[in-house]
Amino acid sequence: MGLTSKKEEQIKSMPRIETRVEKLPGKNLLLHRTIISDIKPIAYYNAVIENSE
């Protein structure tokens, strides 16, 4: 059972979340890094800036 085209579009518009966990060399520390990538068209940001003024 596949995804509907509406659901596929919804998933594509969601931010991409990446997590990385690594031990720092020579130290007794664990680094947990989270990266959130969200792609928006420039027109979106222009509209946000214009409405804030």
N, C-alpha and C. Protein backbone atom coordinates (compact mmCIF):
# COMPACT_ATOMS: atom_id res chain seq x y z
N MET A 1 0.85 -1.18 0.00
CA MET A 1 0.00 0.00 0.00
C MET A 1 0.89 1.24 0.00
N GLY A 2 0.81 2.07 -1.04
CA GLY A 2 1.63 3.26 -1.15
C GLY A 2 0.96 4.49 -0.57
N LEU A 3 1.72 5.56 -0.56
CA LEU A 3 1.19 6.83 -0.06
C LEU A 3 0.40 7.54 -1.14
N THR A 4 -0.60 8.29 -0.72
CA THR A 4 -1.35 9.10 -1.68
C THR A 4 -0.48 10.29 -2.09
N SER A 5 -0.79 10.89 -3.22
CA SER A 5 0.00 12.03 -3.68
C SER A 5 -0.11 13.20 -2.70
N LYS A 6 -1.26 13.35 -2.06
CA LYS A 6 -1.44 14.43 -1.08
C LYS A 6 -0.50 14.21 0.11
N LYS A 7 -0.40 12.98 0.58
CA LYS A 7 0.48 12.66 1.71
C LYS A 7 1.94 12.84 1.32
N GLU A 8 2.31 12.46 0.09
CA GLU A 8 3.68 12.65 -0.38
C GLU A 8 4.05 14.12 -0.39
N GLU A 9 3.15 14.99 -0.86
CA GLU A 9 3.41 16.43 -0.88
C GLU A 9 3.54 16.96 0.54
N GLN A 10 2.74 16.46 1.45
CA GLN A 10 2.80 16.89 2.84
C GLN A 10 4.15 16.51 3.45
N ILE A 11 4.62 15.33 3.17
CA ILE A 11 5.91 14.88 3.70
C ILE A 11 7.05 15.70 3.10
N LYS A 12 6.98 16.02 1.81
CA LYS A 12 8.03 16.82 1.17
C LYS A 12 8.11 18.22 1.76
N SER A 13 6.98 18.78 2.22
CA SER A 13 6.98 20.14 2.75
C SER A 13 7.42 20.21 4.21
N MET A 14 7.58 19.06 4.85
CA MET A 14 7.99 19.04 6.26
C MET A 14 9.49 19.29 6.37
N PRO A 15 9.94 19.89 7.48
CA PRO A 15 11.38 20.08 7.66
C PRO A 15 12.09 18.73 7.80
N ARG A 16 13.31 18.69 7.34
CA ARG A 16 14.12 17.47 7.46
C ARG A 16 14.92 17.58 8.77
N ILE A 17 14.84 16.56 9.60
CA ILE A 17 15.52 16.56 10.89
C ILE A 17 16.59 15.47 10.88
N GLU A 18 17.82 15.89 11.19
CA GLU A 18 18.94 14.95 11.25
C GLU A 18 19.53 15.00 12.66
N THR A 19 19.86 13.85 13.22
CA THR A 19 20.53 13.81 14.51
C THR A 19 21.81 13.01 14.38
N ARG A 20 22.82 13.46 15.09
CA ARG A 20 24.11 12.78 15.10
C ARG A 20 24.57 12.67 16.55
N VAL A 21 25.07 11.52 16.92
CA VAL A 21 25.62 11.30 18.25
C VAL A 21 27.04 10.77 18.06
N GLU A 22 28.00 11.41 18.73
CA GLU A 22 29.39 10.96 18.62
C GLU A 22 30.13 11.21 19.93
N LYS A 23 31.12 10.38 20.18
CA LYS A 23 31.97 10.56 21.35
C LYS A 23 33.14 11.44 20.95
N LEU A 24 33.41 12.45 21.79
CA LEU A 24 34.52 13.34 21.49
C LEU A 24 35.83 12.61 21.77
N PRO A 25 36.76 12.66 20.81
CA PRO A 25 38.02 11.92 20.99
C PRO A 25 38.85 12.52 22.13
N GLY A 26 39.38 11.64 22.97
CA GLY A 26 40.25 12.08 24.07
C GLY A 26 39.50 12.64 25.26
N LYS A 27 38.18 12.67 25.22
CA LYS A 27 37.39 13.22 26.33
C LYS A 27 36.28 12.23 26.67
N ASN A 28 35.78 12.36 27.86
CA ASN A 28 34.70 11.48 28.31
C ASN A 28 33.36 12.21 28.10
N LEU A 29 33.14 12.69 26.87
CA LEU A 29 31.94 13.47 26.55
C LEU A 29 31.25 12.90 25.32
N LEU A 30 29.94 13.04 25.29
CA LEU A 30 29.13 12.61 24.16
C LEU A 30 28.50 13.85 23.54
N LEU A 31 28.61 14.01 22.24
CA LEU A 31 28.04 15.16 21.54
C LEU A 31 26.80 14.70 20.78
N HIS A 32 25.66 15.33 21.08
CA HIS A 32 24.41 15.02 20.38
C HIS A 32 24.02 16.28 19.61
N ARG A 33 24.06 16.19 18.29
CA ARG A 33 23.82 17.33 17.41
C ARG A 33 22.52 17.09 16.65
N THR A 34 21.64 18.12 16.62
CA THR A 34 20.39 18.04 15.87
C THR A 34 20.38 19.16 14.84
N ILE A 35 20.11 18.81 13.59
CA ILE A 35 20.06 19.78 12.49
C ILE A 35 18.66 19.75 11.89
N ILE A 36 18.01 20.92 11.84
CA ILE A 36 16.68 21.02 11.23
C ILE A 36 16.83 21.85 9.96
N SER A 37 16.52 21.25 8.82
CA SER A 37 16.61 21.93 7.52
C SER A 37 15.21 22.16 7.00
N ASP A 38 14.87 23.43 6.77
CA ASP A 38 13.55 23.78 6.28
C ASP A 38 13.73 24.66 5.05
N ILE A 39 13.18 24.27 3.93
CA ILE A 39 13.34 25.01 2.68
C ILE A 39 12.05 25.75 2.37
N LYS A 40 12.17 27.05 2.21
CA LYS A 40 11.02 27.89 1.86
C LYS A 40 11.41 28.76 0.66
N PRO A 41 10.44 29.11 -0.19
CA PRO A 41 10.74 30.00 -1.30
C PRO A 41 11.04 31.41 -0.80
N ILE A 42 11.83 32.14 -1.55
CA ILE A 42 12.20 33.50 -1.17
C ILE A 42 10.96 34.39 -1.05
N ALA A 43 9.97 34.16 -1.86
CA ALA A 43 8.73 34.95 -1.79
C ALA A 43 8.09 34.85 -0.41
N TYR A 44 8.20 33.69 0.22
CA TYR A 44 7.65 33.51 1.57
C TYR A 44 8.32 34.47 2.54
N TYR A 45 9.65 34.53 2.53
CA TYR A 45 10.38 35.41 3.44
C TYR A 45 10.14 36.88 3.12
N ASN A 46 10.03 37.21 1.84
CA ASN A 46 9.72 38.60 1.47
C ASN A 46 8.37 39.01 2.03
N ALA A 47 7.38 38.14 1.97
CA ALA A 47 6.05 38.44 2.51
C ALA A 47 6.11 38.60 4.03
N VAL A 48 6.89 37.77 4.71
CA VAL A 48 7.03 37.88 6.16
C VAL A 48 7.66 39.21 6.54
N ILE A 49 8.70 39.61 5.82
CA ILE A 49 9.38 40.88 6.10
C ILE A 49 8.45 42.06 5.84
N GLU A 50 7.72 42.04 4.74
CA GLU A 50 6.81 43.14 4.42
C GLU A 50 5.70 43.27 5.45
N ASN A 51 5.19 42.16 5.96
CA ASN A 51 4.10 42.21 6.94
C ASN A 51 4.57 42.60 8.33
N SER A 52 5.87 42.53 8.60
CA SER A 52 6.37 42.87 9.93
C SER A 52 6.59 44.37 10.08
N GLU A 53 6.61 45.10 9.01
CA GLU A 53 6.88 46.54 9.06
C GLU A 53 5.64 47.35 9.30
